[in-house]
C-alpha cells in the first residue's frame, strides 16, 4: 500500500488534489493532508480526510510522494516532491518570475499540456535535477465527469465574474459600477467569485449587490460554478483558461496578453455588448477557443489524476539517483523551517 501526502497552502488547492485523492483511495492506497496554516485551512476538510498536524506525524506516515499545488514544500518531508501547479499559465509576469520559475524544491513537474510542457522540458535538460511529465491537470478531471445535475432549465444566461487579486491587473474595482448597473436590469444571472486574497473592500462592494440577480460565492471548488455559467467575465485570472475548456466564451477586461480566443475590452462601456456577442457563439471565436484549449490542456477524458499517479509511481520506483543534486536553496529551506518550527538540516 502506497501513501501520499498533500501539502496545502491555499484554499484553492483543495479542488486540485481531491480528484487525486479519489483516485488514490479507489485503488486502495492512502492519502493525508498537511497544512502550512492549519487554523485557516483545516476547517475545509471532509470527515473522512486525514490531517497530519506535526512534522513528526509526517515522518511517521512516511509518504512515497508529497503532492504540491503551490511553489514551496518542506525539503525535510519524506518522499519525492511533486509540483502540480496552482493554475494555468496566465502570463501575469515574465516567465522567469512566473509560471516557469524554478524554486529548487521539486523532483517532478506534472505539466498540463504542450503550452507548459515545452518550456519545462527545456529547463529539465538544462538543469537536470528534476523530471517533467505531461499528465494534464487533476483539477480538470471533474469538469469531464458525467454530471448528474446536468439538464437544469435556465430562464436567462448565467454570467460568472472572476478576477485576480493583483491590483494592477484586477478588473473587479474598475467594473463594479458597470456590473452594478447591469445587475439591476435582471437580464442575466450573475455569479461572482474572487481569489481568496482579493481586497476585502472590493469583496464587500460586490456582496452589497447580492439579490435576485447576483450572488457572491466563496468556495474551495470553483468547478461547479464553471459548469453552471454560459459565459465568463474576467481579466488576467488563470481561471479563465479553466472555463474555456468547456468551449464557452470569455470576455476579458485589459487582459495582459489578449489572444484571439478571448473577447478583450479596454472600456467598461463595452462590457454589455461584448457579453451579448459572446453568447451568440460566433463560429470563428469558437474555433479559436478550441485551438487554444488543445494547446494548454488537450485532455478531455477526466483521467489526468491517473496519469499523475503513474508518473509519480514510476519516479518513486526509479529513484532520484539519475538526477543531479539540487541547489542548496538555503534561504527558502530556512524560511520553510521557520514557518513550521523545524530547525534541523
Protein backbone atom coordinates (compact mmCIF):
# COMPACT_ATOMS: atom_id res chain seq x y z
CA UNK A 1 0.00 0.00 0.00
CA UNK A 2 1.36 3.41 -1.04
CA UNK A 3 0.97 6.58 1.00
CA UNK A 4 0.73 10.07 -0.50
CA UNK A 5 0.75 13.46 1.22
CA UNK A 6 -0.88 16.69 0.05
CA UNK A 7 0.95 19.83 1.17
CA UNK A 8 -1.58 22.66 1.11
CA UNK A 9 -1.06 26.42 1.42
CA UNK A 10 -4.23 27.94 -0.08
CA UNK A 11 -7.96 27.21 -0.21
CA UNK A 12 -7.95 26.74 -3.98
CA UNK A 13 -5.61 23.73 -3.58
CA UNK A 14 -8.45 21.53 -2.29
CA UNK A 15 -10.07 21.28 -5.71
CA UNK A 16 -6.73 20.44 -7.31
CA UNK A 17 -5.87 17.46 -5.10
CA UNK A 18 -9.29 15.98 -4.35
CA UNK A 19 -9.53 14.22 -7.74
CA UNK A 20 -6.10 12.76 -6.96
CA UNK A 21 -7.30 11.68 -3.53
CA UNK A 22 -10.29 9.96 -5.14
CA UNK A 23 -8.01 8.03 -7.50
CA UNK A 24 -5.62 7.10 -4.68
CA UNK A 25 -8.37 5.79 -2.39
CA UNK A 26 -10.17 3.93 -5.17
CA UNK A 27 -7.09 1.84 -5.85
CA UNK A 28 -6.67 1.01 -2.15
CA UNK A 29 -3.83 3.37 -1.24
CA UNK A 30 -3.72 6.11 1.42
CA UNK A 31 -3.73 9.89 1.31
CA UNK A 32 -3.21 12.50 4.02
CA UNK A 33 -3.14 16.29 4.27
CA UNK A 34 -0.70 18.76 5.83
CA UNK A 35 -1.44 22.50 6.05
CA UNK A 36 1.13 25.25 6.49
CA UNK A 37 -1.70 27.32 8.05
CA UNK A 38 -3.94 24.72 9.73
CA UNK A 39 -6.03 27.22 11.64
CA UNK A 40 -7.25 28.76 8.40
CA UNK A 41 -7.48 25.68 6.17
CA UNK A 42 -8.24 22.56 8.21
CA UNK A 43 -11.89 23.56 8.66
CA UNK A 44 -12.44 22.75 4.97
CA UNK A 45 -11.52 19.08 5.40
CA UNK A 46 -14.24 16.49 4.98
CA UNK A 47 -14.88 13.99 7.82
CA UNK A 48 -13.07 11.10 6.13
CA UNK A 49 -9.98 13.13 5.16
CA UNK A 50 -6.90 12.58 7.31
CA UNK A 51 -4.86 15.53 8.58
CA UNK A 52 -1.27 15.27 9.80
CA UNK A 53 -0.56 18.11 12.22
CA UNK A 54 3.15 17.87 13.01
CA UNK A 55 6.43 17.16 11.25
CA UNK A 56 6.80 14.10 13.47
CA UNK A 57 3.47 12.74 12.20
CA UNK A 58 4.58 13.30 8.60
CA UNK A 59 7.83 11.45 9.19
CA UNK A 60 5.96 8.55 10.82
CA UNK A 61 3.47 8.46 7.94
CA UNK A 62 6.45 8.28 5.55
CA UNK A 63 4.73 9.14 2.24
CA UNK A 64 6.27 7.96 -1.01
CA UNK A 65 5.43 11.36 -2.54
CA UNK A 66 4.41 14.86 -1.45
CA UNK A 67 1.99 16.42 -3.95
CA UNK A 68 2.01 20.21 -4.01
CA UNK A 69 -0.33 22.64 -5.81
CA UNK A 70 1.98 25.52 -4.88
CA UNK A 71 5.51 26.84 -5.03
CA UNK A 72 7.19 25.57 -1.87
CA UNK A 73 7.40 22.34 0.11
CA UNK A 74 9.45 21.24 3.13
CA UNK A 75 12.56 19.52 1.77
CA UNK A 76 12.79 17.51 5.01
CA UNK A 77 9.48 15.70 4.42
CA UNK A 78 9.89 12.09 3.24
CA UNK A 79 9.07 11.20 -0.37
CA UNK A 80 9.64 12.72 -3.77
CA UNK A 81 8.32 16.26 -4.20
CA UNK A 82 5.80 16.78 -7.00
CA UNK A 83 4.69 20.13 -8.42
CA UNK A 84 1.04 20.11 -9.54
CA UNK A 85 0.69 23.90 -10.16
CA UNK A 86 -1.99 26.18 -8.75
CA UNK A 87 -3.29 27.37 -12.12
CA UNK A 88 -2.68 27.65 -15.83
CA UNK A 89 0.00 29.95 -17.16
CA UNK A 90 -1.89 33.25 -17.12
CA UNK A 91 1.22 35.22 -18.11
CA UNK A 92 0.79 37.73 -15.31
CA UNK A 93 4.59 38.05 -15.03
CA UNK A 94 7.71 37.41 -17.08
CA UNK A 95 8.48 33.69 -17.47
CA UNK A 96 11.48 33.71 -15.12
CA UNK A 97 9.32 35.23 -12.36
CA UNK A 98 6.07 33.45 -13.07
CA UNK A 99 4.90 30.02 -14.14
CA UNK A 100 8.35 28.75 -15.15
CA UNK A 101 10.27 29.91 -12.11
CA UNK A 102 12.28 27.05 -10.63
CA UNK A 103 12.50 27.23 -6.83
CA UNK A 104 14.70 24.15 -6.41
CA UNK A 105 12.22 22.12 -4.34
CA UNK A 106 10.71 19.63 -6.77
CA UNK A 107 11.76 16.30 -8.24
CA UNK A 108 8.85 16.04 -10.69
CA UNK A 109 6.79 18.61 -12.57
CA UNK A 110 3.44 17.30 -13.88
CA UNK A 111 2.55 19.70 -16.69
CA UNK A 112 -0.90 20.46 -18.03
CA UNK A 113 -0.33 20.48 -21.79
CA UNK A 114 2.01 21.49 -24.63
CA UNK A 115 1.91 25.17 -23.63
CA UNK A 116 3.82 24.41 -20.42
CA UNK A 117 5.49 21.11 -21.24
CA UNK A 118 7.86 22.57 -23.84
CA UNK A 119 9.40 25.26 -21.62
CA UNK A 120 9.68 22.90 -18.65
CA UNK A 121 11.34 20.25 -20.82
CA UNK A 122 13.96 22.82 -21.81
CA UNK A 123 14.55 23.57 -18.12
CA UNK A 124 14.75 19.85 -17.37
CA UNK A 125 17.51 19.40 -19.95
CA UNK A 126 19.43 22.45 -18.79
CA UNK A 127 19.19 21.98 -15.02
CA UNK A 128 18.94 18.22 -14.68
CA UNK A 129 17.67 17.94 -11.09
CA UNK A 130 14.02 17.18 -11.87
CA UNK A 131 11.86 15.30 -14.36
CA UNK A 132 8.95 16.69 -16.39
CA UNK A 133 5.92 14.65 -17.43
CA UNK A 134 2.85 15.90 -19.28
CA UNK A 135 -0.16 14.49 -17.45
CA UNK A 136 -2.93 17.04 -17.64
CA UNK A 137 -4.16 18.84 -14.53
CA UNK A 138 -6.04 16.83 -11.86
CA UNK A 139 -8.30 19.77 -11.05
CA UNK A 140 -9.86 19.50 -14.50
CA UNK A 141 -10.90 15.86 -14.16
CA UNK A 142 -14.37 16.54 -12.67
CA UNK A 143 -15.03 19.00 -15.49
CA UNK A 144 -15.29 15.98 -17.78
CA UNK A 145 -17.04 13.56 -15.45
CA UNK A 146 -20.72 12.93 -16.06
CA UNK A 147 -22.77 15.49 -14.17
CA UNK A 148 -25.89 14.13 -12.53
CA UNK A 149 -27.21 17.66 -12.18
CA UNK A 150 -26.98 18.50 -15.88
CA UNK A 151 -30.06 19.49 -17.81
CA UNK A 152 -31.36 22.19 -15.44
CA UNK A 153 -33.65 24.53 -17.36
CA UNK A 154 -32.42 28.13 -17.37
CA UNK A 155 -34.64 31.17 -17.77
CA UNK A 156 -31.74 33.52 -18.52
CA UNK A 157 -27.99 33.27 -19.19
CA UNK A 158 -25.59 32.94 -16.26
CA UNK A 159 -22.52 35.21 -16.23
CA UNK A 160 -19.63 34.16 -13.98
CA UNK A 161 -17.38 37.04 -12.94
CA UNK A 162 -13.90 36.19 -11.66
CA UNK A 163 -10.96 38.49 -11.07
CA UNK A 164 -7.35 38.27 -10.00
CA UNK A 165 -6.38 39.88 -6.70
CA UNK A 166 -3.29 41.59 -8.21
CA UNK A 167 -4.26 45.28 -8.00
CA UNK A 168 -2.69 46.40 -11.29
CA UNK A 169 -4.42 43.56 -13.18
CA UNK A 170 -7.74 43.28 -11.37
CA UNK A 171 -10.92 44.21 -13.21
CA UNK A 172 -13.11 43.96 -10.12
CA UNK A 173 -12.82 47.56 -8.86
CA UNK A 174 -12.94 49.02 -12.38
CA UNK A 175 -16.06 47.14 -13.50
CA UNK A 176 -18.04 47.44 -10.27
CA UNK A 177 -20.24 50.35 -11.37
CA UNK A 178 -20.90 48.85 -14.81
CA UNK A 179 -21.76 45.43 -13.40
CA UNK A 180 -23.90 47.05 -10.72
CA UNK A 181 -25.95 48.80 -13.41
CA UNK A 182 -26.28 45.60 -15.45
CA UNK A 183 -27.39 43.63 -12.40
CA UNK A 184 -30.30 45.98 -11.88
CA UNK A 185 -31.72 45.13 -15.33
CA UNK A 186 -32.12 41.46 -14.40
CA UNK A 187 -31.14 40.38 -17.91
CA UNK A 188 -28.54 37.95 -16.60
CA UNK A 189 -27.94 35.86 -13.52
CA UNK A 190 -24.56 36.94 -12.13
CA UNK A 191 -22.30 34.69 -10.08
CA UNK A 192 -19.21 36.34 -8.56
CA UNK A 193 -16.18 34.53 -7.19
CA UNK A 194 -12.82 36.11 -6.36
CA UNK A 195 -9.40 34.86 -5.35
CA UNK A 196 -9.10 34.44 -1.54
CA UNK A 197 -6.53 37.25 -1.46
CA UNK A 198 -8.84 39.81 -3.09
CA UNK A 199 -9.03 43.19 -1.33
CA UNK A 200 -11.82 42.83 1.28
CA UNK A 201 -13.19 46.27 0.36
CA UNK A 202 -13.71 45.09 -3.22
CA UNK A 203 -15.37 41.89 -1.99
CA UNK A 204 -17.72 43.96 0.18
CA UNK A 205 -18.61 46.09 -2.84
CA UNK A 206 -19.90 43.03 -4.71
CA UNK A 207 -21.51 41.43 -1.69
CA UNK A 208 -23.58 44.58 -1.42
CA UNK A 209 -25.02 43.85 -4.90
CA UNK A 210 -26.44 40.47 -3.85
CA UNK A 211 -30.11 39.85 -4.52
CA UNK A 212 -32.29 38.18 -7.11
CA UNK A 213 -29.82 38.81 -9.92
CA UNK A 214 -26.37 38.36 -8.32
CA UNK A 215 -24.82 36.02 -5.78
CA UNK A 216 -21.31 36.15 -4.33
CA UNK A 217 -19.80 32.72 -3.69
CA UNK A 218 -16.83 31.72 -1.52
CA UNK A 219 -15.83 28.16 -2.33
CA UNK A 220 -12.91 25.75 -2.30
CA UNK A 221 -14.14 24.28 -5.61
CA UNK A 222 -14.98 26.60 -8.49
CA UNK A 223 -15.73 23.83 -10.99
CA UNK A 224 -19.49 23.70 -10.25
CA UNK A 225 -19.59 27.46 -10.87
CA UNK A 226 -17.79 27.00 -14.18
CA UNK A 227 -20.23 24.31 -15.27
CA UNK A 228 -23.23 26.47 -14.36
CA UNK A 229 -22.13 29.51 -16.37
CA UNK A 230 -22.83 30.34 -20.01
CA UNK A 231 -20.12 32.99 -20.26
CA UNK A 232 -17.33 34.33 -18.08
CA UNK A 233 -16.14 37.87 -17.44
CA UNK A 234 -12.59 38.14 -16.15
CA UNK A 235 -9.22 39.91 -16.55
CA UNK A 236 -5.89 38.07 -16.46
CA UNK A 237 -7.01 35.44 -13.96
CA UNK A 238 -5.79 31.91 -14.73
CA UNK A 239 -9.28 30.54 -14.04
CA UNK A 240 -10.46 31.84 -17.41
CA UNK A 241 -8.45 29.07 -19.07
CA UNK A 242 -10.31 26.52 -16.98
CA UNK A 243 -13.62 27.90 -18.20
CA UNK A 244 -12.50 27.90 -21.84
CA UNK A 245 -12.02 24.12 -21.61
CA UNK A 246 -15.82 23.90 -21.58
CA UNK A 247 -15.87 25.52 -25.02
CA UNK A 248 -17.62 28.65 -23.78
CA UNK A 249 -16.64 32.29 -24.41
CA UNK A 250 -14.81 34.64 -22.07
CA UNK A 251 -14.93 38.44 -22.03
CA UNK A 252 -11.77 39.92 -20.53
CA UNK A 253 -11.04 43.44 -19.34
CA UNK A 254 -7.49 44.66 -20.00
CA UNK A 255 -6.07 41.16 -20.31
CA UNK A 256 -2.27 41.33 -20.11
CA UNK A 257 -1.79 39.23 -23.25
CA UNK A 258 -5.15 39.10 -25.04
CA UNK A 259 -5.33 36.36 -27.65
CA UNK A 260 -7.83 35.67 -30.43
CA UNK A 261 -9.60 33.16 -28.18
CA UNK A 262 -10.78 35.99 -25.90
CA UNK A 263 -13.20 38.89 -26.32
CA UNK A 264 -10.96 41.54 -24.78
CA UNK A 265 -12.19 45.05 -23.98
CA UNK A 266 -10.46 48.09 -22.57
CA UNK A 267 -13.52 50.21 -21.72
CA UNK A 268 -16.23 49.26 -19.19
CA UNK A 269 -18.86 50.66 -21.53
CA UNK A 270 -18.19 47.77 -23.94
CA UNK A 271 -18.97 45.06 -21.40
CA UNK A 272 -22.69 44.60 -22.03
CA UNK A 273 -22.46 44.36 -25.82
CA UNK A 274 -19.45 42.03 -25.55
CA UNK A 275 -21.36 39.62 -23.33
CA UNK A 276 -24.27 39.65 -25.78
CA UNK A 277 -21.85 38.97 -28.66
CA UNK A 278 -20.16 36.09 -26.87
CA UNK A 279 -23.48 34.43 -26.11
CA UNK A 280 -24.15 34.15 -29.87
CA UNK A 281 -21.16 31.72 -30.08
CA UNK A 282 -19.61 33.12 -33.26
CA UNK A 283 -18.07 30.20 -35.22
CA UNK A 284 -14.69 31.90 -35.70
CA UNK A 285 -14.37 32.61 -31.99
CA UNK A 286 -15.40 29.09 -31.02
CA UNK A 287 -12.79 27.63 -33.38
CA UNK A 288 -10.09 29.78 -31.83
CA UNK A 289 -11.17 28.67 -28.34
CA UNK A 290 -10.84 25.02 -29.39
CA UNK A 291 -7.33 25.60 -30.78
CA UNK A 292 -6.25 27.39 -27.62
CA UNK A 293 -7.58 24.77 -25.21
CA UNK A 294 -5.95 21.95 -27.17
CA UNK A 295 -2.64 23.75 -26.62
CA UNK A 296 -3.00 24.33 -22.88
CA UNK A 297 -4.84 21.12 -21.87
CA UNK A 298 -5.68 18.62 -24.61
CA UNK A 299 -7.06 16.01 -22.18
CA UNK A 300 -10.84 15.61 -22.08
CA UNK A 301 -11.02 12.13 -20.54
CA UNK A 302 -11.15 13.08 -16.86
CA UNK A 303 -8.14 10.88 -16.10
CA UNK A 304 -5.30 13.34 -15.51
CA UNK A 305 -5.11 12.21 -11.88
CA UNK A 306 -4.33 8.68 -13.01
CA UNK A 307 -1.58 9.97 -15.29
CA UNK A 308 -0.09 11.97 -12.42
CA UNK A 309 -0.06 8.92 -10.17
CA UNK A 310 1.54 6.82 -12.92
CA UNK A 311 4.30 9.42 -13.36
CA UNK A 312 4.82 9.65 -9.59
CA UNK A 313 4.95 5.90 -9.12
CA UNK A 314 7.45 5.49 -11.95
CA UNK A 315 9.81 8.05 -10.42
CA UNK A 316 9.41 6.53 -6.95
CA UNK A 317 10.35 3.14 -8.37
CA UNK A 318 13.26 4.55 -10.37
CA UNK A 319 14.58 6.70 -7.55
CA UNK A 320 16.40 10.01 -7.83
CA UNK A 321 19.93 8.72 -8.41
CA UNK A 322 19.87 9.67 -12.10
CA UNK A 323 19.15 13.33 -11.29
CA UNK A 324 21.70 16.00 -10.48
CA UNK A 325 21.80 17.27 -6.88
CA UNK A 326 19.50 20.21 -6.21
CA UNK A 327 21.00 23.61 -5.40
CA UNK A 328 21.34 24.03 -1.65
CA UNK A 329 18.48 26.55 -1.59
CA UNK A 330 19.42 27.83 1.87
CA UNK A 331 17.13 30.86 2.04
CA UNK A 332 13.98 29.00 1.11
CA UNK A 333 14.86 25.99 3.26
CA UNK A 334 15.30 28.26 6.29
CA UNK A 335 12.00 30.02 5.53
CA UNK A 336 10.08 26.73 5.50
CA UNK A 337 11.76 25.59 8.72
CA UNK A 338 10.91 28.82 10.48
CA UNK A 339 7.29 28.56 9.35
CA UNK A 340 6.95 25.02 10.71
CA UNK A 341 9.22 25.40 13.72
CA UNK A 342 11.63 22.73 12.48
CA UNK A 343 15.29 23.79 12.58
CA UNK A 344 17.22 20.63 11.67
CA UNK A 345 19.19 20.24 8.46
